[in-house]
Amino acid sequence: MIRQVLILFCLIITMPAIAQNKEITTPSKTTEKEAEPQIDYKQMGAPMPTLKLRVFHDTAKTKTGTAIATTDVVNSEPKRGRKKKHEAGHNTTGGQVNIADYKKFVTNDDFKNGANLVVMMFNPTCSHCEDQTQLFEKNIFLFKKSKLILMANPIMWDYIPNFAKSFHIDEYPTITLGTDSSDFIGKVFIYSSLPQINIYDHKHKLIRTFAGEVPIDSLSAYID
């Protein structure tokens, strides 16, 4: 009995010391940096996500193996009536452009021209996408300042040359054709139907999303 009392007494007097030691050795919690809020790029008013587009260049018609650089394609006016110069491998200033000078990729900065930007995500083997592209082609005169980006999934790259040829993409400097290299589609696609057309204002803020084929009357209000 006395032995049990002694053991209990020892436990009682050592408990504060154990608790104190535990308090000392327990590491203090570090202040963790709050996670940055995730941007929902599908919401109206959201900024355009990082754009890196692998651009298709059609050099098949050039006689010298050279053609117009992407910077000219993005920023110049429609080149009807200048086709022979382009086929001869000349730019709009009359100088030859070596194919090594081509931009293989374009980014957000290549489309900062103070106008709305139209981005169509499409599949080059989709009939609805073909119809929508043809509609844009017939009404390309509406694009005075606005630019049109035709963006496909990277796995569709091999289909792009035939698509470009079918719709004479090289004849329209306001159109940039290529494949997504920055997961742009993954961030903005609403998984409804193709094509999907996103309209961004001059500050590259999302102002409208269309899914499926869209009549030109619905689009013209957003084209500068």
Protein backbone atom coordinates (compact mmCIF):
# COMPACT_ATOMS: atom_id res chain seq x y z
CA MET A 1 0.00 0.00 0.00
CA ILE A 2 2.77 2.42 0.96
CA ARG A 3 4.61 1.49 -2.21
CA GLN A 4 1.59 2.34 -4.36
CA VAL A 5 1.20 5.69 -2.60
CA LEU A 6 4.85 6.52 -3.27
CA ILE A 7 4.51 5.66 -6.96
CA LEU A 8 1.40 7.83 -7.26
CA PHE A 9 3.16 10.69 -5.46
CA CYS A 10 6.13 10.47 -7.87
CA LEU A 11 3.82 10.59 -10.87
CA ILE A 12 2.03 13.67 -9.55
CA ILE A 13 5.17 15.69 -8.95
CA THR A 14 6.73 14.76 -12.32
CA MET A 15 3.66 15.64 -14.46
CA PRO A 16 4.25 19.45 -14.40
CA ALA A 17 7.85 18.92 -15.47
CA ILE A 18 6.76 16.69 -18.39
CA ALA A 19 4.16 19.22 -19.46
CA GLN A 20 6.68 22.05 -19.25
CA ASN A 21 9.22 20.10 -21.25
CA LYS A 22 6.61 19.29 -23.89
CA GLU A 23 5.70 22.96 -24.15
CA ILE A 24 9.32 23.91 -24.67
CA THR A 25 10.12 21.26 -27.28
CA THR A 26 6.94 21.61 -29.30
CA PRO A 27 7.86 23.69 -32.38
CA SER A 28 5.81 26.81 -32.88
CA LYS A 29 3.57 26.93 -35.89
CA THR A 30 4.99 28.94 -38.76
CA THR A 31 2.84 31.48 -40.48
CA GLU A 32 2.00 29.96 -43.85
CA LYS A 33 1.56 32.21 -46.85
CA GLU A 34 -2.04 32.27 -47.96
CA ALA A 35 -2.60 30.61 -51.30
CA GLU A 36 -3.21 33.00 -54.15
CA PRO A 37 -6.82 32.95 -55.36
CA GLN A 38 -7.41 30.81 -58.42
CA ILE A 39 -8.61 32.71 -61.47
CA ASP A 40 -11.70 31.40 -63.19
CA TYR A 41 -10.88 32.29 -66.80
CA LYS A 42 -14.39 31.33 -67.89
CA GLN A 43 -16.07 34.15 -65.96
CA MET A 44 -16.97 37.41 -67.67
CA GLY A 45 -14.38 40.05 -66.89
CA ALA A 46 -11.62 37.52 -66.33
CA PRO A 47 -8.25 38.30 -67.87
CA MET A 48 -7.15 36.36 -70.90
CA PRO A 49 -4.84 33.56 -69.76
CA THR A 50 -1.27 33.34 -70.97
CA LEU A 51 -1.27 32.82 -74.70
CA LYS A 52 1.45 30.93 -76.53
CA LEU A 53 0.34 29.91 -79.98
CA ARG A 54 2.44 27.77 -82.28
CA VAL A 55 1.82 29.55 -85.56
CA PHE A 56 1.30 27.86 -88.88
CA HIS A 57 3.23 29.41 -91.77
CA ASP A 58 2.26 28.49 -95.31
CA THR A 59 5.42 28.67 -97.41
CA ALA A 60 4.28 26.23 -100.08
CA LYS A 61 3.54 28.99 -102.61
CA THR A 62 6.81 30.86 -102.22
CA LYS A 63 9.30 30.57 -105.07
CA THR A 64 12.39 31.36 -102.99
CA GLY A 65 11.56 29.44 -99.81
CA THR A 66 10.88 32.67 -97.93
CA ALA A 67 7.67 34.35 -96.90
CA ILE A 68 6.05 37.01 -94.74
CA ALA A 69 7.09 37.07 -91.09
CA THR A 70 4.43 36.58 -88.44
CA THR A 71 4.80 40.13 -87.18
CA ASP A 72 3.63 41.35 -90.57
CA VAL A 73 0.80 38.82 -90.68
CA VAL A 74 -0.53 39.88 -87.29
CA ASN A 75 -0.33 43.62 -87.78
CA SER A 76 -0.81 44.38 -91.47
CA GLU A 77 -3.93 45.17 -93.43
CA PRO A 78 -5.53 42.58 -95.78
CA LYS A 79 -3.09 41.72 -98.51
CA ARG A 80 -5.38 41.22 -101.48
CA GLY A 81 -3.71 42.75 -104.50
CA ARG A 82 -0.28 42.12 -102.99
CA LYS A 83 -0.26 38.38 -103.47
CA LYS A 84 2.45 38.29 -106.15
CA LYS A 85 4.89 40.10 -103.90
CA HIS A 86 4.20 37.64 -101.13
CA GLU A 87 4.63 34.68 -103.38
CA ALA A 88 7.99 36.05 -104.43
CA GLY A 89 9.07 36.07 -100.81
CA HIS A 90 8.88 39.81 -100.14
CA ASN A 91 7.41 41.65 -97.21
CA THR A 92 5.30 44.79 -97.42
CA THR A 93 8.38 47.00 -97.41
CA GLY A 94 9.88 45.23 -100.41
CA GLY A 95 12.66 43.38 -98.59
CA GLN A 96 13.07 39.63 -98.48
CA VAL A 97 12.35 37.84 -95.23
CA ASN A 98 14.37 34.76 -94.44
CA ILE A 99 12.39 31.88 -93.03
CA ALA A 100 14.73 31.90 -90.03
CA ASP A 101 13.19 35.27 -89.08
CA TYR A 102 9.77 33.73 -88.60
CA LYS A 103 8.15 33.81 -85.21
CA LYS A 104 7.30 30.23 -84.34
CA PHE A 105 5.10 31.39 -81.48
CA VAL A 106 2.97 34.44 -80.73
CA THR A 107 1.88 35.63 -77.29
CA ASN A 108 -0.57 38.07 -75.69
CA ASP A 109 1.72 40.99 -76.50
CA ASP A 110 1.40 40.36 -80.24
CA PHE A 111 -2.29 41.29 -80.08
CA LYS A 112 -2.20 44.55 -78.13
CA ASN A 113 -3.63 46.90 -80.72
CA GLY A 114 -6.44 48.66 -78.85
CA ALA A 115 -9.23 46.51 -80.29
CA ASN A 116 -11.30 43.48 -79.40
CA LEU A 117 -9.71 40.09 -79.95
CA VAL A 118 -11.69 37.10 -81.24
CA VAL A 119 -10.37 33.67 -80.26
CA MET A 120 -11.98 30.63 -81.84
CA MET A 121 -11.09 27.24 -80.37
CA PHE A 122 -11.78 24.60 -82.98
CA ASN A 123 -11.05 21.18 -84.40
CA PRO A 124 -9.84 21.28 -88.03
CA THR A 125 -11.78 18.09 -88.76
CA CYS A 126 -15.07 19.45 -87.35
CA SER A 127 -17.69 20.41 -89.95
CA HIS A 128 -19.23 23.06 -87.66
CA CYS A 129 -15.79 24.61 -87.22
CA GLU A 130 -15.31 24.63 -90.98
CA ASP A 131 -18.65 26.37 -91.46
CA GLN A 132 -17.77 28.99 -88.85
CA THR A 133 -14.39 29.61 -90.46
CA GLN A 134 -16.04 30.04 -93.84
CA LEU A 135 -18.41 32.56 -92.28
CA PHE A 136 -15.45 34.52 -90.93
CA GLU A 137 -13.77 34.34 -94.31
CA LYS A 138 -16.80 35.78 -96.08
CA ASN A 139 -17.04 38.62 -93.56
CA ILE A 140 -13.35 39.30 -93.04
CA PHE A 141 -13.95 42.88 -94.18
CA LEU A 142 -15.47 43.53 -90.73
CA PHE A 143 -12.05 43.08 -89.13
CA LYS A 144 -10.67 46.57 -89.46
CA LYS A 145 -8.76 46.50 -86.16
CA SER A 146 -9.83 43.32 -84.42
CA LYS A 147 -7.77 40.18 -84.89
CA LEU A 148 -9.01 36.61 -85.20
CA ILE A 149 -7.11 33.71 -83.65
CA LEU A 150 -7.97 30.18 -84.78
CA MET A 151 -6.62 27.87 -82.07
CA ALA A 152 -6.61 24.08 -82.16
CA ASN A 153 -5.37 21.43 -79.75
CA PRO A 154 -1.66 20.60 -80.21
CA ILE A 155 -2.47 17.05 -81.28
CA MET A 156 -4.25 18.46 -84.35
CA TRP A 157 -1.14 20.11 -85.80
CA ASP A 158 -0.88 17.68 -88.72
CA TYR A 159 -4.36 18.72 -89.90
CA ILE A 160 -3.60 22.44 -89.87
CA PRO A 161 -1.87 22.73 -93.30
CA ASN A 162 -4.87 21.34 -95.20
CA PHE A 163 -7.22 23.50 -93.15
CA ALA A 164 -5.17 26.59 -93.97
CA LYS A 165 -5.17 25.73 -97.65
CA SER A 166 -8.91 25.04 -97.76
CA PHE A 167 -9.77 28.43 -96.26
CA HIS A 168 -6.96 30.50 -97.82
CA ILE A 169 -5.76 31.56 -94.38
CA ASP A 170 -2.53 32.99 -95.82
CA GLU A 171 -4.59 35.61 -97.66
CA TYR A 172 -5.96 37.18 -94.49
CA PRO A 173 -3.43 39.04 -92.31
CA THR A 174 -6.03 39.56 -89.58
CA ILE A 175 -6.23 35.78 -89.02
CA THR A 176 -3.61 33.90 -87.03
CA LEU A 177 -3.81 30.11 -87.19
CA GLY A 178 -2.03 27.66 -84.92
CA THR A 179 -2.10 25.28 -81.99
CA ASP A 180 -2.24 25.93 -78.25
CA SER A 181 1.09 25.71 -76.41
CA SER A 182 0.10 27.15 -73.01
CA ASP A 183 -3.02 25.18 -71.97
CA PHE A 184 -5.13 28.17 -72.98
CA ILE A 185 -7.94 25.87 -74.12
CA GLY A 186 -7.90 23.89 -70.89
CA LYS A 187 -8.42 27.09 -68.89
CA VAL A 188 -11.25 28.62 -70.92
CA PHE A 189 -13.11 25.76 -72.61
CA ILE A 190 -16.62 25.33 -71.20
CA TYR A 191 -17.09 21.79 -72.55
CA SER A 192 -20.25 22.58 -74.44
CA SER A 193 -19.67 22.34 -78.18
CA LEU A 194 -17.24 23.31 -80.89
CA PRO A 195 -16.33 25.79 -82.05
CA GLN A 196 -16.07 27.96 -78.96
CA ILE A 197 -15.54 31.67 -79.57
CA ASN A 198 -14.24 33.93 -76.81
CA ILE A 199 -14.31 37.70 -77.23
CA TYR A 200 -11.76 39.79 -75.32
CA ASP A 201 -11.79 43.57 -75.12
CA HIS A 202 -8.82 45.84 -75.81
CA LYS A 203 -7.55 45.16 -72.30
CA HIS A 204 -7.83 41.41 -72.92
CA LYS A 205 -10.75 40.96 -70.51
CA LEU A 206 -13.38 38.36 -71.40
CA ILE A 207 -16.61 40.03 -72.52
CA ARG A 208 -18.49 37.22 -74.30
CA THR A 209 -18.38 33.47 -74.90
CA PHE A 210 -20.18 31.65 -77.69
CA ALA A 211 -20.48 27.86 -78.04
CA GLY A 212 -21.26 26.26 -81.38
CA GLU A 213 -21.85 28.01 -84.69
CA VAL A 214 -22.66 31.69 -84.32
CA PRO A 215 -24.32 33.91 -86.95
CA ILE A 216 -22.31 36.91 -88.05
CA ASP A 217 -25.04 39.26 -86.83
CA SER A 218 -24.34 38.10 -83.27
CA LEU A 219 -20.59 38.52 -83.71
CA SER A 220 -20.41 41.78 -85.64
CA ALA A 221 -21.18 43.88 -82.55
CA TYR A 222 -17.90 42.66 -81.03
CA ILE A 223 -15.69 43.13 -84.09
CA ASP A 224 -13.83 46.40 -84.51
